[in-house]
Amino acid sequence: MQLNLVRTLSGGLAGTLAMTLMMYVAAPMMGLNMDIAAMLGGMLGIGWAGGMLMHFVNGVVIFPVIYAVVLYPRLPGTAAIKGTAWGVILWLIAQLVVMPMMGGGLFSTAMGGMMAAAGSLVGHAIYGALLGVIAGDGMRIRVAAQPSSRA
């Protein structure tokens, strides 16, 4: 079996675009500042553009490939459920490890508290669902058996 990389990366791109729009359009309407590019760029010392690049590399390439290769075969349910589960796993990692490292606090306490954590959960769930649906159940393509050569 081989990874269908185009579908996997397309799902990651769609999910990352949706999540990014939520952070920069929907979150400010709720009075929240969820500038992941500034946080990543500041933590890594690479500025806002570098932070946005890292956000897209993670969301489009790294997280989808981990999902496809490691988790997809092991998670139960439909492709949408598997993807959403991966989004929730990423959210937990973000809230328990990444946000405290970037100064946002455990479960975003320094960035808007429960409202920010809930918004992040919704964003990660949408990311995962899009990844799962676009990558689909056909994420892995079967390699056709080689015809036997009889001489």
Protein backbone atom coordinates (compact mmCIF):
# COMPACT_ATOMS: atom_id res chain seq x y z
CA MET A 1 0.00 0.00 0.00
CA GLN A 2 1.18 3.50 -0.78
CA LEU A 3 0.28 6.88 0.62
CA ASN A 4 -1.89 9.08 -1.62
CA LEU A 5 0.21 12.16 -0.93
CA VAL A 6 -1.79 14.55 -3.13
CA ARG A 7 -5.06 13.90 -1.28
CA THR A 8 -3.33 13.96 2.10
CA LEU A 9 -1.57 17.28 1.48
CA SER A 10 -4.71 18.75 -0.13
CA GLY A 11 -6.65 17.90 3.02
CA GLY A 12 -3.94 19.51 5.14
CA LEU A 13 -4.02 22.64 2.99
CA ALA A 14 -7.82 22.96 3.17
CA GLY A 15 -7.79 22.42 6.94
CA THR A 16 -4.94 24.88 7.48
CA LEU A 17 -6.63 27.55 5.37
CA ALA A 18 -9.90 27.12 7.28
CA MET A 19 -8.17 27.25 10.64
CA THR A 20 -6.10 30.27 9.63
CA LEU A 21 -9.22 32.14 8.50
CA MET A 22 -10.86 31.34 11.82
CA MET A 23 -7.86 32.73 13.73
CA TYR A 24 -7.55 35.93 11.75
CA VAL A 25 -11.22 36.63 10.89
CA ALA A 26 -13.60 34.88 13.32
CA ALA A 27 -11.53 35.13 16.53
CA PRO A 28 -11.16 38.95 16.40
CA MET A 29 -14.94 39.23 15.98
CA MET A 30 -15.21 37.46 19.34
CA GLY A 31 -12.63 39.79 20.89
CA LEU A 32 -9.81 37.24 20.79
CA ASN A 33 -6.28 37.65 19.47
CA MET A 34 -5.15 34.27 18.17
CA ASP A 35 -2.12 35.26 16.09
CA ILE A 36 -0.35 31.91 15.82
CA ALA A 37 2.17 33.29 13.32
CA ALA A 38 3.28 35.99 15.75
CA MET A 39 3.50 33.49 18.61
CA LEU A 40 5.45 30.88 16.63
CA GLY A 41 7.67 33.50 15.03
CA GLY A 42 8.37 35.14 18.37
CA MET A 43 9.16 31.85 20.10
CA LEU A 44 11.48 30.75 17.28
CA GLY A 45 12.95 34.21 16.63
CA ILE A 46 11.92 34.17 12.96
CA GLY A 47 9.30 36.93 12.86
CA TRP A 48 5.67 36.88 11.78
CA ALA A 49 6.29 35.65 8.22
CA GLY A 50 8.52 32.84 9.48
CA GLY A 51 5.86 31.90 12.02
CA MET A 52 3.20 31.78 9.30
CA LEU A 53 5.49 29.62 7.17
CA MET A 54 5.97 27.22 10.10
CA HIS A 55 2.20 27.16 10.69
CA PHE A 56 1.63 26.14 7.06
CA VAL A 57 4.48 23.60 6.99
CA ASN A 58 3.03 21.96 10.11
CA GLY A 59 -0.58 22.06 8.91
CA VAL A 60 -0.06 21.15 5.27
CA VAL A 61 2.83 18.69 5.42
CA ILE A 62 3.93 17.43 8.84
CA PHE A 63 0.61 16.83 10.61
CA PRO A 64 -1.16 15.29 7.59
CA VAL A 65 1.73 12.89 6.92
CA ILE A 66 1.81 11.80 10.58
CA TYR A 67 -1.97 11.30 10.41
CA ALA A 68 -1.82 9.31 7.18
CA VAL A 69 1.15 7.11 8.01
CA VAL A 70 0.79 6.55 11.75
CA LEU A 71 -2.77 7.24 12.88
CA TYR A 72 -5.15 6.65 9.98
CA PRO A 73 -4.71 2.86 10.01
CA ARG A 74 -5.16 2.74 13.80
CA LEU A 75 -8.05 5.12 14.50
CA PRO A 76 -11.61 3.77 14.46
CA GLY A 77 -14.50 5.20 12.46
CA THR A 78 -15.03 6.92 9.16
CA ALA A 79 -12.44 9.16 7.54
CA ALA A 80 -14.22 12.25 8.95
CA ILE A 81 -14.21 10.81 12.48
CA LYS A 82 -10.56 9.78 12.21
CA GLY A 83 -9.59 13.25 10.99
CA THR A 84 -11.61 14.98 13.69
CA ALA A 85 -10.00 12.75 16.33
CA TRP A 86 -6.57 13.79 15.00
CA GLY A 87 -7.65 17.44 15.22
CA VAL A 88 -8.66 16.97 18.86
CA ILE A 89 -5.35 15.22 19.60
CA LEU A 90 -3.50 18.18 18.06
CA TRP A 91 -5.61 20.57 20.13
CA LEU A 92 -4.72 18.74 23.34
CA ILE A 93 -1.02 18.86 22.46
CA ALA A 94 -1.34 22.56 21.63
CA GLN A 95 -3.14 23.39 24.87
CA LEU A 96 -1.02 21.23 27.19
CA VAL A 97 2.43 21.72 25.65
CA VAL A 98 2.69 24.33 22.89
CA MET A 99 0.62 27.17 24.38
CA PRO A 100 2.45 27.11 27.73
CA MET A 101 5.78 27.12 25.85
CA MET A 102 4.70 30.17 23.82
CA GLY A 103 3.44 32.08 26.85
CA GLY A 104 -0.26 31.47 26.22
CA GLY A 105 -0.70 29.42 29.38
CA LEU A 106 -2.27 26.05 30.01
CA PHE A 107 -5.53 25.88 28.02
CA SER A 108 -4.89 29.42 26.74
CA THR A 109 -5.36 31.07 30.15
CA ALA A 110 -3.13 34.01 29.14
CA MET A 111 -4.85 34.44 25.75
CA GLY A 112 -8.53 34.63 26.59
CA GLY A 113 -9.05 31.58 28.76
CA MET A 114 -11.93 29.25 28.08
CA MET A 115 -13.20 31.24 25.09
CA ALA A 116 -9.78 30.99 23.39
CA ALA A 117 -9.42 27.29 24.28
CA ALA A 118 -12.92 26.55 22.95
CA GLY A 119 -12.24 28.51 19.76
CA SER A 120 -9.00 26.60 19.33
CA LEU A 121 -10.84 23.31 19.82
CA VAL A 122 -13.37 24.22 17.12
CA GLY A 123 -10.56 25.26 14.76
CA HIS A 124 -8.59 22.06 15.32
CA ALA A 125 -11.72 19.90 14.91
CA ILE A 126 -12.54 21.63 11.61
CA TYR A 127 -8.93 21.20 10.49
CA GLY A 128 -9.04 17.48 11.27
CA ALA A 129 -12.46 16.94 9.72
CA LEU A 130 -11.39 18.60 6.48
CA LEU A 131 -8.16 16.62 6.44
CA GLY A 132 -10.08 13.37 7.00
CA VAL A 133 -12.82 14.04 4.46
CA ILE A 134 -10.50 15.24 1.70
CA ALA A 135 -7.88 12.56 2.29
CA GLY A 136 -10.82 10.15 2.54
CA ASP A 137 -11.09 6.43 3.02
CA GLY A 138 -9.13 6.07 -0.19
CA MET A 139 -6.17 7.86 1.33
CA ARG A 140 -4.12 4.76 0.84
CA ILE A 141 -4.14 3.32 -2.62
CA ARG A 142 -3.55 -0.31 -3.22
CA VAL A 143 -0.66 -1.32 -5.37
CA ALA A 144 -1.95 -3.73 -7.96
CA ALA A 145 -0.53 -7.21 -7.74
CA GLN A 146 2.08 -7.85 -10.36
CA PRO A 147 0.94 -10.40 -12.92
CA SER A 148 2.85 -13.60 -12.62
CA SER A 149 5.11 -14.37 -15.51
CA ARG A 150 4.77 -17.92 -16.69
CA ALA A 151 7.34 -18.98 -19.20
